[in-house]
Protein backbone atom coordinates (compact mmCIF):
# COMPACT_ATOMS: atom_id res chain seq x y z
CA MET A 1 48.89 -9.00 128.14
CA GLY A 2 50.18 -8.43 124.90
CA SER A 3 50.42 -4.71 123.40
CA ILE A 4 48.02 -3.50 121.00
CA HIS A 5 49.38 -2.26 117.55
CA ASP A 6 48.48 0.97 116.42
CA PRO A 7 46.14 0.62 113.18
CA GLY A 8 48.21 3.27 111.47
CA GLU A 9 51.39 1.40 111.94
CA LEU A 10 52.19 -0.87 109.23
CA THR A 11 53.69 -4.04 110.17
CA GLU A 12 56.14 -5.74 107.96
CA LEU A 13 53.98 -8.23 106.80
CA GLU A 14 51.24 -5.62 105.55
CA GLN A 15 53.47 -3.54 103.61
CA PRO A 16 52.57 -4.03 99.71
CA SER A 17 54.98 -5.41 97.53
CA PHE A 18 55.80 -4.28 93.93
CA ASP A 19 54.04 -7.50 92.65
CA GLU A 20 51.01 -6.78 94.17
CA PHE A 21 51.06 -3.11 92.59
CA GLN A 22 51.42 -4.66 89.11
CA ARG A 23 48.94 -7.15 89.77
CA GLN A 24 46.44 -4.39 90.63
CA THR A 25 47.58 -2.27 87.71
CA SER A 26 46.92 -5.26 85.21
CA LEU A 27 43.55 -5.56 86.81
CA MET A 28 42.44 -2.02 86.44
CA THR A 29 43.61 -2.02 82.84
CA SER A 30 41.75 -5.12 82.25
CA CYS A 31 38.81 -3.43 83.80
CA THR A 32 39.17 -0.68 81.63
CA LEU A 33 39.02 -2.53 78.44
CA LEU A 34 36.23 -4.61 79.57
CA TRP A 35 34.31 -1.30 80.09
CA LYS A 36 35.33 0.06 76.76
CA GLU A 37 34.16 -3.14 74.94
CA LEU A 38 30.98 -3.18 76.75
CA SER A 39 30.47 0.60 76.02
CA ASP A 40 31.31 -0.10 72.36
CA HIS A 41 28.88 -3.39 72.00
CA ILE A 42 26.06 -1.08 73.98
CA ASN A 43 26.53 1.81 71.14
CA SER A 44 26.65 -0.53 68.36
CA LEU A 45 23.12 -2.13 69.72
CA GLU A 46 21.69 1.44 70.11
CA GLN A 47 22.80 2.03 66.25
CA ASN A 48 21.34 -1.31 65.23
CA LEU A 49 17.97 -0.62 66.93
CA LEU A 50 17.93 2.92 65.33
CA LYS A 51 18.62 1.68 62.05
CA GLN A 52 16.10 -1.10 62.39
CA SER A 53 13.81 1.34 63.92
CA GLU A 54 14.20 3.61 60.55
CA THR A 55 13.57 0.66 58.24
CA LEU A 56 10.57 -0.33 60.13
CA LYS A 57 9.50 2.97 59.83
CA ARG A 58 9.96 3.00 56.25
CA LYS A 59 8.33 -0.19 55.78
CA ILE A 60 5.35 1.00 57.78
CA LYS A 61 5.23 4.01 55.36
CA THR A 62 5.59 1.90 52.17
CA LEU A 63 2.67 -0.62 53.39
CA ASP A 64 0.51 2.46 54.17
CA SER A 65 1.28 4.14 50.70
CA GLU A 66 0.34 0.61 49.21
CA THR A 67 -2.48 -0.11 51.07
CA LYS A 68 -3.84 3.18 50.16
CA ALA A 69 -2.97 2.43 46.52
CA SER A 70 -4.78 -0.69 46.88
CA LEU A 71 -7.93 0.44 48.22
CA ASP A 72 -7.73 3.31 45.58
CA SER A 73 -7.50 0.70 42.99
CA LEU A 74 -10.15 -1.32 44.60
CA LYS A 75 -12.53 1.56 44.63
CA LYS A 76 -11.47 2.35 40.89
CA ARG A 77 -12.48 -1.37 40.14
CA GLU A 78 -15.71 -1.02 42.07
CA LEU A 79 -16.48 1.98 40.07
CA SER A 80 -15.08 0.40 36.87
CA ILE A 81 -17.62 -2.38 37.19
CA VAL A 82 -20.65 -0.29 37.21
CA ASP A 83 -18.92 1.85 34.09
CA SER A 84 -18.03 -1.68 32.43
CA VAL A 85 -21.64 -2.85 32.94
CA LYS A 86 -23.13 0.58 31.37
CA ILE A 87 -20.57 0.29 28.66
CA ALA A 88 -21.54 -3.35 27.82
CA LEU A 89 -25.33 -2.33 27.89
CA ASN A 90 -24.80 0.47 25.57
CA ARG A 91 -22.72 -1.87 23.29
CA VAL A 92 -25.47 -4.59 23.43
CA GLU A 93 -28.17 -1.87 22.44
CA SER A 94 -25.84 -0.48 19.40
CA ASN A 95 -24.80 -3.96 18.48
CA THR A 96 -28.59 -5.08 18.52
CA LYS A 97 -29.35 -1.92 16.28
CA ALA A 98 -26.50 -2.51 14.02
CA ALA A 99 -27.39 -6.30 13.68
CA MET A 100 -30.98 -5.26 12.60
CA ARG A 101 -29.58 -2.74 10.38
CA THR A 102 -27.20 -5.34 8.79
CA LEU A 103 -30.17 -7.87 8.48
CA THR A 104 -32.38 -5.31 6.71
CA ASP A 105 -29.57 -4.34 4.06
CA ASP A 106 -29.64 -5.72 0.68
CA ILE A 107 -26.79 -8.11 0.65
CA GLU A 108 -27.27 -8.83 -2.94
CA GLU A 109 -25.66 -5.60 -3.91
CA ASN A 110 -22.47 -6.94 -2.48
CA PRO A 111 -22.66 -10.83 -2.35
CA ASP A 112 -19.04 -11.37 -2.23
CA GLY A 113 -17.91 -9.10 0.38
CA GLU A 114 -15.78 -7.04 -1.81
CA VAL A 115 -15.40 -3.43 -0.62
CA ASP A 116 -13.75 -0.23 -2.23
CA ASN A 117 -13.07 2.00 0.56
CA GLY A 118 -12.40 2.02 4.50
CA ASP A 119 -15.77 2.46 5.71
CA GLY A 120 -17.06 -0.36 3.50
CA LEU A 121 -14.48 -2.54 4.75
CA LEU A 122 -15.07 -1.43 8.32
CA GLN A 123 -18.92 -2.48 7.83
CA HIS A 124 -18.03 -5.87 6.38
CA LEU A 125 -15.82 -6.63 9.25
CA LYS A 126 -18.38 -5.28 11.70
CA SER A 127 -21.17 -7.47 10.01
CA SER A 128 -19.00 -10.56 10.53
CA CYS A 129 -18.05 -9.59 14.30
CA LEU A 130 -21.85 -8.76 15.06
CA LYS A 131 -22.78 -12.35 13.82
CA MET A 132 -19.57 -13.93 15.60
CA GLU A 133 -18.79 -15.56 12.19
CA ALA A 134 -14.99 -16.12 12.71
CA LYS A 135 -14.17 -17.94 9.66
CA GLU A 136 -15.66 -15.18 7.69
CA PHE A 137 -13.66 -12.70 9.49
CA TRP A 138 -10.51 -14.58 9.18
CA ASN A 139 -11.00 -14.65 5.50
CA SER A 140 -11.83 -11.07 4.77
CA VAL A 141 -8.42 -10.08 7.01
CA THR A 142 -6.19 -12.65 4.95
CA GLY A 143 -7.62 -11.44 1.73
CA LYS A 144 -6.69 -7.83 2.17
CA LYS A 145 -3.07 -8.34 3.03
CA LYS A 146 -2.23 -5.24 0.62
CA GLU A 147 -4.36 -3.10 2.65
CA ILE A 148 -2.58 -4.08 6.00
CA ASP A 149 -2.49 -0.23 7.17
CA LEU A 150 -6.29 0.08 6.68
CA LEU A 151 -6.98 -3.12 8.68
CA ARG A 152 -4.86 -2.13 11.14
CA GLU A 153 -7.00 1.09 11.55
CA LYS A 154 -10.35 -0.71 11.37
CA ILE A 155 -9.94 -4.10 12.99
CA PRO A 156 -10.10 -2.63 16.73
CA ALA A 157 -13.34 -0.83 15.87
CA ALA A 158 -14.73 -3.85 14.28
CA LEU A 159 -13.69 -6.14 17.32
CA SER A 160 -15.43 -3.93 19.80
CA GLU A 161 -18.87 -4.95 18.42
CA CYS A 162 -18.30 -8.81 19.33
CA VAL A 163 -20.26 -10.32 22.23
CA ASP A 164 -17.06 -11.83 23.41
CA PRO A 165 -13.95 -10.76 21.68
CA ALA A 166 -11.34 -12.77 23.11
CA ARG A 167 -13.29 -15.82 22.31
CA PHE A 168 -13.74 -14.58 18.56
CA VAL A 169 -10.39 -13.92 18.09
CA MET A 170 -8.88 -17.32 19.25
CA GLU A 171 -11.44 -19.10 16.89
CA ALA A 172 -10.52 -16.79 14.11
CA ILE A 173 -7.03 -17.67 14.25
CA SER A 174 -7.28 -21.20 15.02
CA GLU A 175 -6.97 -22.32 11.77
CA VAL A 176 -2.92 -21.62 11.56
CA PHE A 177 -2.53 -20.94 15.47
CA PRO A 178 -1.08 -22.60 17.60
CA VAL A 179 -0.89 -25.63 14.84
CA ASP A 180 -1.61 -24.92 11.07
CA LYS A 181 -4.50 -27.28 10.65
CA ARG A 182 -4.21 -26.86 6.70
CA GLY A 183 -2.14 -29.64 6.29
CA ASN A 184 -0.54 -29.94 2.95
CA GLU A 185 -3.21 -27.48 1.43
CA GLY A 186 -1.40 -24.90 3.50
CA GLY A 187 -0.46 -21.98 1.21
CA SER A 188 1.10 -18.63 2.10
CA ASP A 189 2.34 -17.95 5.60
CA LEU A 190 -0.26 -16.17 7.63
CA ALA A 191 1.43 -15.40 10.91
CA TRP A 192 0.99 -11.70 9.80
CA ALA A 193 -2.71 -11.97 9.97
CA CYS A 194 -2.38 -13.69 13.47
CA VAL A 195 -0.28 -10.70 15.00
CA LEU A 196 -2.32 -8.14 13.45
CA ILE A 197 -5.67 -9.58 15.13
CA LEU A 198 -3.90 -10.12 18.51
CA GLU A 199 -2.63 -6.65 18.45
CA SER A 200 -5.73 -5.10 17.46
CA LEU A 201 -7.31 -7.05 20.19
CA ILE A 202 -5.49 -5.09 22.91
CA PRO A 203 -7.29 -1.96 22.87
CA VAL A 204 -10.57 -3.86 23.06
CA VAL A 205 -10.15 -5.58 26.11
CA VAL A 206 -8.17 -3.17 28.16
CA ASP A 207 -10.21 -1.80 31.02
CA PRO A 208 -11.51 1.50 30.16
CA VAL A 209 -10.70 3.17 33.72
CA ILE A 210 -7.54 1.22 35.30
CA GLY A 211 -6.07 0.57 31.81
CA LYS A 212 -3.61 -2.18 30.68
CA SER A 213 -3.23 -3.38 34.17
CA ARG A 214 -6.53 -4.97 33.95
CA MET A 215 -7.60 -6.90 30.94
CA LEU A 216 -11.37 -7.77 30.61
CA VAL A 217 -10.85 -11.43 29.81
CA THR A 218 -12.82 -13.76 31.32
CA PRO A 219 -11.04 -16.61 33.69
CA SER A 220 -12.35 -19.20 31.18
CA MET A 221 -11.04 -17.67 28.26
CA LYS A 222 -7.75 -16.97 29.83
CA GLU A 223 -7.35 -20.58 30.94
CA GLN A 224 -7.97 -21.53 27.11
CA ALA A 225 -5.18 -19.05 26.04
CA LYS A 226 -2.90 -20.67 28.49
CA GLU A 227 -3.95 -23.77 26.87
CA ILE A 228 -3.17 -22.74 23.25
CA ALA A 229 0.23 -21.41 24.49
CA GLU A 230 1.07 -24.65 25.92
CA THR A 231 0.14 -26.38 22.82
CA TRP A 232 2.17 -24.11 20.79
CA LYS A 233 5.34 -25.09 23.03
CA LYS A 234 4.63 -28.79 22.79
CA SER A 235 4.51 -28.30 19.01
CA LEU A 236 7.79 -26.27 18.92
CA GLU A 237 9.59 -29.35 20.37
CA GLU A 238 8.20 -31.41 17.62
CA ARG A 239 9.59 -28.98 15.07
CA GLY A 240 13.04 -29.36 16.27
CA GLY A 241 13.36 -26.49 19.06
CA ILE A 242 14.05 -22.60 18.87
CA GLU A 243 16.39 -22.89 16.18
CA ASN A 244 14.10 -24.43 13.49
CA VAL A 245 10.92 -22.57 14.26
CA LYS A 246 10.05 -19.62 11.70
CA THR A 247 10.15 -16.35 13.17
CA PRO A 248 6.46 -15.50 12.35
CA ASP A 249 5.24 -17.92 14.45
CA VAL A 250 7.42 -16.77 17.33
CA HIS A 251 5.95 -13.41 16.88
CA THR A 252 2.54 -14.82 16.84
CA PHE A 253 3.07 -16.65 20.26
CA LEU A 254 4.67 -13.82 22.09
CA GLN A 255 1.95 -11.52 20.92
CA HIS A 256 -0.38 -14.03 22.34
CA LEU A 257 0.86 -14.01 25.61
CA VAL A 258 1.12 -10.22 25.86
CA THR A 259 -2.50 -9.88 24.36
CA PHE A 260 -4.19 -12.28 26.97
CA GLY A 261 -1.83 -11.28 29.81
CA ILE A 262 -0.58 -14.99 30.45
CA VAL A 263 3.18 -14.25 30.86
CA LYS A 264 4.83 -16.99 33.17
CA LYS A 265 7.70 -15.66 35.52
CA GLU A 266 9.19 -19.25 35.50
CA ASP A 267 9.43 -18.96 31.65
CA LEU A 268 11.43 -15.88 31.23
CA GLU A 269 14.72 -17.61 30.18
CA PHE A 270 12.36 -19.23 27.28
CA TYR A 271 11.12 -16.05 26.15
CA ARG A 272 14.49 -14.66 26.16
CA LYS A 273 15.78 -17.34 24.00
CA LEU A 274 12.91 -17.00 21.70
CA VAL A 275 13.41 -13.11 21.35
CA VAL A 276 16.92 -13.18 20.74
CA ALA A 277 16.46 -15.89 18.18
CA SER A 278 14.17 -13.50 16.29
CA ALA A 279 15.66 -10.10 17.39
CA TRP A 280 15.69 -8.91 13.74
CA ARG A 281 11.77 -8.61 13.83
CA LYS A 282 10.64 -4.90 14.36
CA GLN A 283 8.38 -5.37 17.15
CA MET A 284 10.57 -7.82 19.27
CA PRO A 285 11.92 -4.98 21.48
CA LYS A 286 8.61 -3.71 22.51
CA LEU A 287 7.52 -7.47 22.78
CA ALA A 288 10.53 -8.18 25.01
CA VAL A 289 9.42 -5.23 27.61
CA SER A 290 5.81 -6.50 27.39
CA LEU A 291 7.16 -9.91 28.42
CA GLY A 292 8.87 -8.69 31.57
CA LEU A 293 12.69 -8.85 30.12
CA GLY A 294 13.48 -5.20 30.91
CA ASP A 295 15.91 -6.33 33.31
CA GLN A 296 17.69 -8.80 31.15
CA MET A 297 18.15 -6.22 28.30
CA PRO A 298 21.74 -5.40 28.79
CA ASP A 299 22.68 -9.09 28.72
CA MET A 300 20.58 -9.54 25.52
CA ILE A 301 22.24 -6.38 23.74
CA GLU A 302 25.69 -7.82 24.69
CA GLU A 303 24.64 -11.35 23.34
CA LEU A 304 23.43 -9.57 20.00
CA ILE A 305 26.63 -7.78 19.58
CA SER A 306 28.47 -10.71 19.94
CA LYS A 307 26.51 -12.37 17.51
CA GLY A 308 27.18 -9.84 14.83
CA GLN A 309 23.64 -8.43 15.08
CA GLN A 310 24.72 -4.67 16.00
CA LEU A 311 21.85 -3.53 13.91
CA ASP A 312 19.04 -5.33 15.98
CA ALA A 313 21.22 -4.20 19.22
CA VAL A 314 20.89 -0.41 18.33
CA HIS A 315 16.86 -1.17 18.15
CA PHE A 316 17.03 -2.67 21.42
CA THR A 317 18.95 -0.33 23.08
CA TYR A 318 16.71 2.77 22.14
CA GLU A 319 13.72 0.67 23.29
CA VAL A 320 15.25 0.43 26.82
CA GLY A 321 17.16 3.56 26.89
CA LEU A 322 20.57 2.17 27.20
CA VAL A 323 21.95 4.52 24.38
CA ASP A 324 24.46 5.73 27.03
CA LYS A 325 26.00 2.34 27.97
CA PHE A 326 25.61 1.18 24.13
CA PRO A 327 26.52 3.97 21.55
CA PRO A 328 24.76 3.43 18.35
CA VAL A 329 27.33 5.09 16.13
CA PRO A 330 30.14 2.55 16.76
CA LEU A 331 27.78 -0.55 16.54
CA LEU A 332 26.59 0.81 13.31
CA LYS A 333 30.00 1.07 11.88
CA SER A 334 30.87 -2.30 13.19
CA PHE A 335 28.04 -3.61 11.32
CA LEU A 336 29.02 -2.21 8.16
CA ARG A 337 32.43 -3.69 8.57
CA ASP A 338 31.24 -7.07 9.24
CA ALA A 339 29.05 -6.65 5.98
CA LYS A 340 32.29 -5.73 4.07
CA LYS A 341 33.98 -8.61 5.39
CA ALA A 342 30.98 -10.90 4.19
CA ALA A 343 30.92 -9.43 0.77
CA SER A 344 34.72 -10.14 0.47
CA SER A 345 34.40 -13.64 1.77
CA ILE A 346 31.67 -14.14 -1.01
CA LEU A 347 33.84 -12.71 -3.76
CA ASP A 348 36.55 -15.39 -2.49
CA ASP A 349 34.36 -18.36 -2.92
CA PRO A 350 35.34 -20.52 -5.76
CA ILE A 351 32.04 -22.44 -5.79
CA ASN A 352 30.21 -19.28 -6.95
CA THR A 353 32.38 -17.53 -8.99
CA GLY A 354 29.79 -16.82 -11.76
CA ARG A 355 27.57 -14.81 -9.32
CA ALA A 356 29.91 -13.95 -6.73
CA ALA A 357 30.19 -10.39 -7.73
CA GLN A 358 26.36 -10.06 -7.64
CA LEU A 359 25.76 -11.68 -4.34
CA ALA A 360 28.73 -9.70 -2.78
CA ALA A 361 27.07 -6.46 -4.22
CA ARG A 362 23.53 -7.43 -3.01
CA LYS A 363 24.89 -8.33 0.52
CA GLU A 364 26.54 -4.88 0.89
CA GLN A 365 23.50 -3.18 -0.42
CA SER A 366 21.25 -4.47 2.13
CA ALA A 367 23.53 -3.36 4.92
CA LEU A 368 23.77 0.11 3.37
CA ARG A 369 20.38 0.50 3.25
CA ALA A 370 19.87 -0.92 6.61
CA VAL A 371 22.05 1.46 8.43
CA ILE A 372 20.81 4.29 6.54
CA LYS A 373 17.42 3.83 7.55
CA CYS A 374 18.62 3.16 10.80
CA ILE A 375 20.21 6.53 10.90
CA GLU A 376 17.08 8.61 9.62
CA GLU A 377 15.05 6.87 12.32
CA TYR A 378 16.79 7.60 15.19
CA LYS A 379 18.22 11.25 13.90
CA LEU A 380 22.10 10.10 13.95
CA GLU A 381 22.69 12.28 11.01
CA ALA A 382 25.02 14.84 13.15
CA GLU A 383 26.99 11.89 14.25
CA PHE A 384 26.99 9.67 11.26
CA SER A 385 26.49 11.27 8.00
CA PRO A 386 24.89 9.02 5.47
CA GLU A 387 25.99 10.87 2.40
CA ASN A 388 28.98 8.81 2.01
CA LEU A 389 27.00 5.38 2.65
CA LYS A 390 24.14 6.77 -0.08
CA LYS A 391 27.23 7.55 -2.67
CA ARG A 392 28.59 3.97 -2.20
CA LEU A 393 24.89 2.67 -2.47
CA GLU A 394 24.52 4.55 -5.90
CA GLN A 395 28.30 2.96 -6.93
CA LEU A 396 27.06 -0.46 -6.08
CA GLU A 397 23.58 0.05 -7.87
CA LYS A 398 25.05 1.65 -11.09
CA PRO A 399 26.03 -1.51 -12.85
CA LYS A 400 22.63 -2.80 -12.27
CA THR A 401 20.94 0.10 -13.75
CA GLU A 402 23.12 -0.06 -16.74
CA LYS A 403 22.28 -3.45 -17.36
CA ARG A 404 18.66 -2.82 -17.36
CA LYS A 405 18.93 -0.32 -20.26
CA PRO A 406 16.93 -1.43 -23.22
CA VAL A 407 19.07 -2.50 -25.93
CA VAL A 408 18.29 -0.65 -29.52
CA VAL A 409 17.78 -3.45 -31.97
CA PRO A 410 18.44 -2.32 -35.72
CA ALA A 411 15.85 -2.61 -38.21
CA ASN A 412 15.71 -5.97 -39.95
CA LYS A 413 18.14 -7.56 -37.67
CA ARG A 414 17.43 -10.91 -38.73
CA THR A 415 18.74 -11.02 -42.38
CA ARG A 416 20.00 -13.66 -44.86
CA ALA A 417 23.60 -14.09 -45.21
CA SER A 418 23.31 -14.57 -49.10
CA ASN A 419 21.59 -11.45 -50.24
CA GLY A 420 20.43 -9.51 -47.04
CA GLY A 421 16.86 -10.24 -47.56
CA PRO A 422 14.58 -10.31 -44.35
CA MET A 423 14.45 -13.38 -42.23
CA PRO A 424 11.53 -15.15 -41.18
CA PRO A 425 10.55 -15.32 -37.58
CA ALA A 426 12.24 -17.87 -35.31
CA LYS A 427 9.12 -19.97 -34.87
CA ALA A 428 7.56 -19.80 -38.45
CA GLY A 429 8.40 -23.23 -39.07
CA ARG A 430 6.06 -24.58 -36.47
CA LEU A 431 3.06 -22.96 -38.47
CA THR A 432 1.33 -25.76 -40.71
CA ASN A 433 0.32 -23.07 -43.32
CA ALA A 434 3.32 -21.14 -43.44
CA TYR A 435 6.02 -21.95 -45.78
CA VAL A 436 9.67 -20.68 -45.43
CA SER A 437 12.36 -21.90 -47.61
CA SER A 438 15.93 -22.66 -46.20
CA PHE A 439 17.45 -22.03 -49.66
CA PRO A 440 18.69 -18.88 -50.91
CA ALA A 441 16.28 -16.57 -52.80
CA PRO A 442 16.82 -16.85 -56.73
CA SER A 443 17.94 -13.83 -58.36
CA PRO A 444 15.12 -12.13 -60.37
CA PHE A 445 14.55 -12.74 -64.01
CA VAL A 446 15.54 -9.86 -66.17
CA ARG A 447 13.77 -9.18 -69.44
CA SER A 448 15.90 -9.32 -72.45
CA PRO A 449 15.89 -5.97 -74.51
CA SER A 450 15.43 -7.73 -77.78
CA HIS A 451 12.12 -8.75 -77.22
CA THR A 452 8.95 -6.81 -77.58
CA GLN A 453 7.39 -5.27 -74.47
CA TYR A 454 3.69 -5.81 -73.99
CA PRO A 455 1.71 -2.82 -74.85
CA THR A 456 -0.19 -2.78 -71.69
CA PRO A 457 0.66 -4.67 -68.51
CA VAL A 458 -1.45 -7.63 -67.75
CA PRO A 459 -3.03 -7.87 -64.37
CA GLY A 460 -1.33 -10.22 -62.22
CA TYR A 461 -3.23 -13.12 -60.49
CA PRO A 462 -5.20 -12.33 -57.27
CA SER A 463 -3.12 -12.72 -54.27
CA PRO A 464 -3.63 -15.87 -52.30
CA PRO A 465 -5.32 -15.62 -48.72
CA PRO A 466 -2.69 -14.18 -46.06
CA PRO A 467 -1.04 -16.77 -44.17
CA MET A 468 -2.03 -17.28 -40.13
CA TYR A 469 0.88 -15.09 -38.81
CA GLY A 470 -0.19 -12.00 -40.80
CA SER A 471 -0.09 -10.61 -44.21
CA ARG A 472 2.70 -9.93 -46.49
CA SER A 473 4.44 -6.67 -47.32
CA PRO A 474 3.60 -5.15 -50.60
CA PRO A 475 6.31 -6.31 -53.19
CA THR A 476 9.20 -4.34 -53.85
CA ASN A 477 10.98 -5.99 -56.84
CA PRO A 478 8.18 -8.47 -58.43
CA TYR A 479 9.44 -10.79 -60.89
CA ALA A 480 8.92 -9.62 -64.38
CA TYR A 481 7.63 -12.44 -66.62
CA SER A 482 9.28 -13.47 -69.78
CA PRO A 483 8.03 -16.30 -71.74
CA GLU A 484 11.69 -16.57 -73.61
CA ALA A 485 13.17 -16.76 -70.13
CA ALA A 486 10.83 -19.24 -68.64
CA PRO A 487 11.86 -22.78 -68.26
CA PRO A 488 10.56 -25.13 -71.13
CA HIS A 489 8.17 -27.06 -69.01
CA LEU A 490 6.54 -23.80 -68.30
CA ALA A 491 6.48 -22.56 -71.47
CA GLY A 492 3.09 -21.93 -72.97
CA PRO A 493 0.05 -19.57 -73.53
CA TYR A 494 -0.39 -18.09 -70.02
CA PRO A 495 -3.43 -15.86 -69.96
CA GLY A 496 -1.29 -13.45 -67.64
CA ALA A 497 1.73 -12.99 -65.55
CA PRO A 498 2.68 -15.60 -62.67
CA MET A 499 2.03 -14.94 -58.99
CA ASN A 500 4.20 -12.38 -57.68
CA TYR A 501 5.41 -13.35 -54.19
CA PRO A 502 6.20 -10.31 -52.17
CA ALA A 503 9.29 -10.31 -49.82
CA TYR A 504 8.21 -11.27 -46.30
CA GLY A 505 7.71 -8.51 -43.62
CA GLY A 506 10.50 -8.57 -41.31
CA TYR A 507 11.18 -7.28 -37.86
CA GLY A 508 11.89 -3.81 -38.74
CA ASN A 509 8.90 -2.95 -41.01
CA GLY A 510 6.41 -0.69 -39.75
CA LEU A 511 3.48 -3.51 -40.09
CA ALA A 512 4.41 -6.39 -37.75
CA PRO A 513 3.21 -9.62 -38.40
CA ALA A 514 0.24 -10.50 -36.14
CA TYR A 515 2.27 -13.72 -35.28
CA GLN A 516 5.03 -11.69 -33.91
CA GLN A 517 2.67 -9.53 -31.77
CA ALA A 518 1.14 -12.65 -30.29
CA TYR A 519 4.44 -14.54 -29.81
CA TYR A 520 5.86 -11.39 -27.86
CA ARG A 521 3.21 -10.32 -25.57
């Protein structure tokens, strides 16, 4: 039998080799690396799970707050419906009483609707709103352009008397918006009245409880407002696009969108182009924010600056609070430099050499006034003193002031070149009953000292009736009659001295002829 080997005894075949040792070492290293990778992966998964969990918690919290806000809003809306019904009932009752008072008033005292004060104007506008007479209301507003501040104050109170203010306003402005229906008979631009009425409608249709987030406009009226907006857009294409449309029309369109709350997100780029094209309009920055263009304001401001409209850019920066990003003082100085360059280019223009100086001065004056007004409006005196600008403005206006000074005309400016006598008026020859000789005045006859003087003066002929352009002045050097000095064909026994023709009352005497007064009025 063979011998049994001791287990503790290593045979020659069982002895580990160096290669086996390296293999085992590399295997352990690989396992360690794999373990580390798995550990890192598990840790990253845990971190991602924690982050996602926190994100979900935040979203749930946000949803809870939004749900609560929505529930509160619904509750307010529910309460506002009751309040709105009460307000509507009270308004109907007050309107009924006002209508009865209007019907019982004596209309004959003021048949044309002319009013002299604010209360009278308000009553007249209220009367039109109570009767839903949009045409009469429109005529009343357009006829009071000089009292636009008073209209802005009174129109909201008058529109609140309407049964349906939104419908009433759309009917009132329908004559000129969305399309001017006056045709060839269209007169002055009435877009200012449309904007004024649309602005005045906002406080009337705003929910009294919730505010501007809810407009009290019926769905049918909102759809009609959308149709009006689409009609205006189509007419814009017919008029040649944004570049050729008038700024007041653009202002009316944008105000229409804001008033009725029919802004479309897909049309924001279109609104942006309209705002930039009419950026000089004072209300454009506010309208841009109301249209939802607040996020695009930085790009719009940079576009205005690149177009040389730095002054408009300043107004936009203050509206959206980007003064730190776009400091106003450098923009105003750049605007003045551009204005001076434009004035210099006008002076160098060979076409308008006659009016070049006047046009250049007017260009610079306009820029100076605008910058001074902007400095005063935004309180920039500490950063940009307007004193030097005002001095420059006075220098430019000084030649115009001196030119307007009245020229002192010397007495009897129009005189005859021959003897210095007064000249007749320039248009005296046009009168049928006036005779003015173009020959020099004859020298007066002088009595010969060898003849006997008349013992008593003979009364002259009665003066002829005054000509149509006024009476003549009293004679200063009447002709002295002498029979001996008279021409042969005039000699004879005259009953008295011939007619004394007085000198014509010229421009410098105290009694100006009636003809001159009528001519120079």
